Amino acid sequence: MKVFSEVLDKIDRKLKRMAEQLETTRWLADAGQFGAAYEHAMHLEDTAERLTLLTRVLPCYTGRPNARSEVEKVILAAHPVEIGFTAQGWFSLRIPLLLPKKEAGSTEFIRAFLYPAVHRFFKDKEPVRYTDCVSCPSNPCICWEVSGSIRRSLSN
């Protein structure tokens, strides 16, 4: 349980940092300094993203065997992803939220809700292979492999 306590301490520090960043951002906005408020708001957003990632893994450190799947259910409920095929046969993926600007850092924020949603959609379906994928030079496309888990192919 040492790791659990360490993650709790990290969460506590992030919450305190967020409170400070929020106060500074509000003060700058109230003072009409919107350029500086924007910069501080971006730091606040970054801290919030990191806090979200920490809180998502926290239940897993309790040792509960199904913690990961329970966390995925919470994530899917909070971020409803619409997946299907169009009438023309195109694969369609709609995420009804604004995605964070991720020039640096982890993509786990997107993976945390996208992978379980795609896995649930393809669970009882045959994997789809495209012959003209724009992101995969191999033929047929091997970008997505569905076999009990979903992972990005790094073989190109």
Foldseek 3Di string as FASTA:
>chain_A
DVVLVVLVVVLVVLVVVLVVLVVVLVVCVVVVNVVVSVVSVVVSVVSVVVSVVSVLCNQVVVVDPCSLVVSQVVLCVVWPWDWDADPVGHTDIDTPDDDDDPPDDDPVVVVSHVFVVVLVVCVPPDDDWPQDDPPAPDGGDDQWDHDPGTDGDPPD
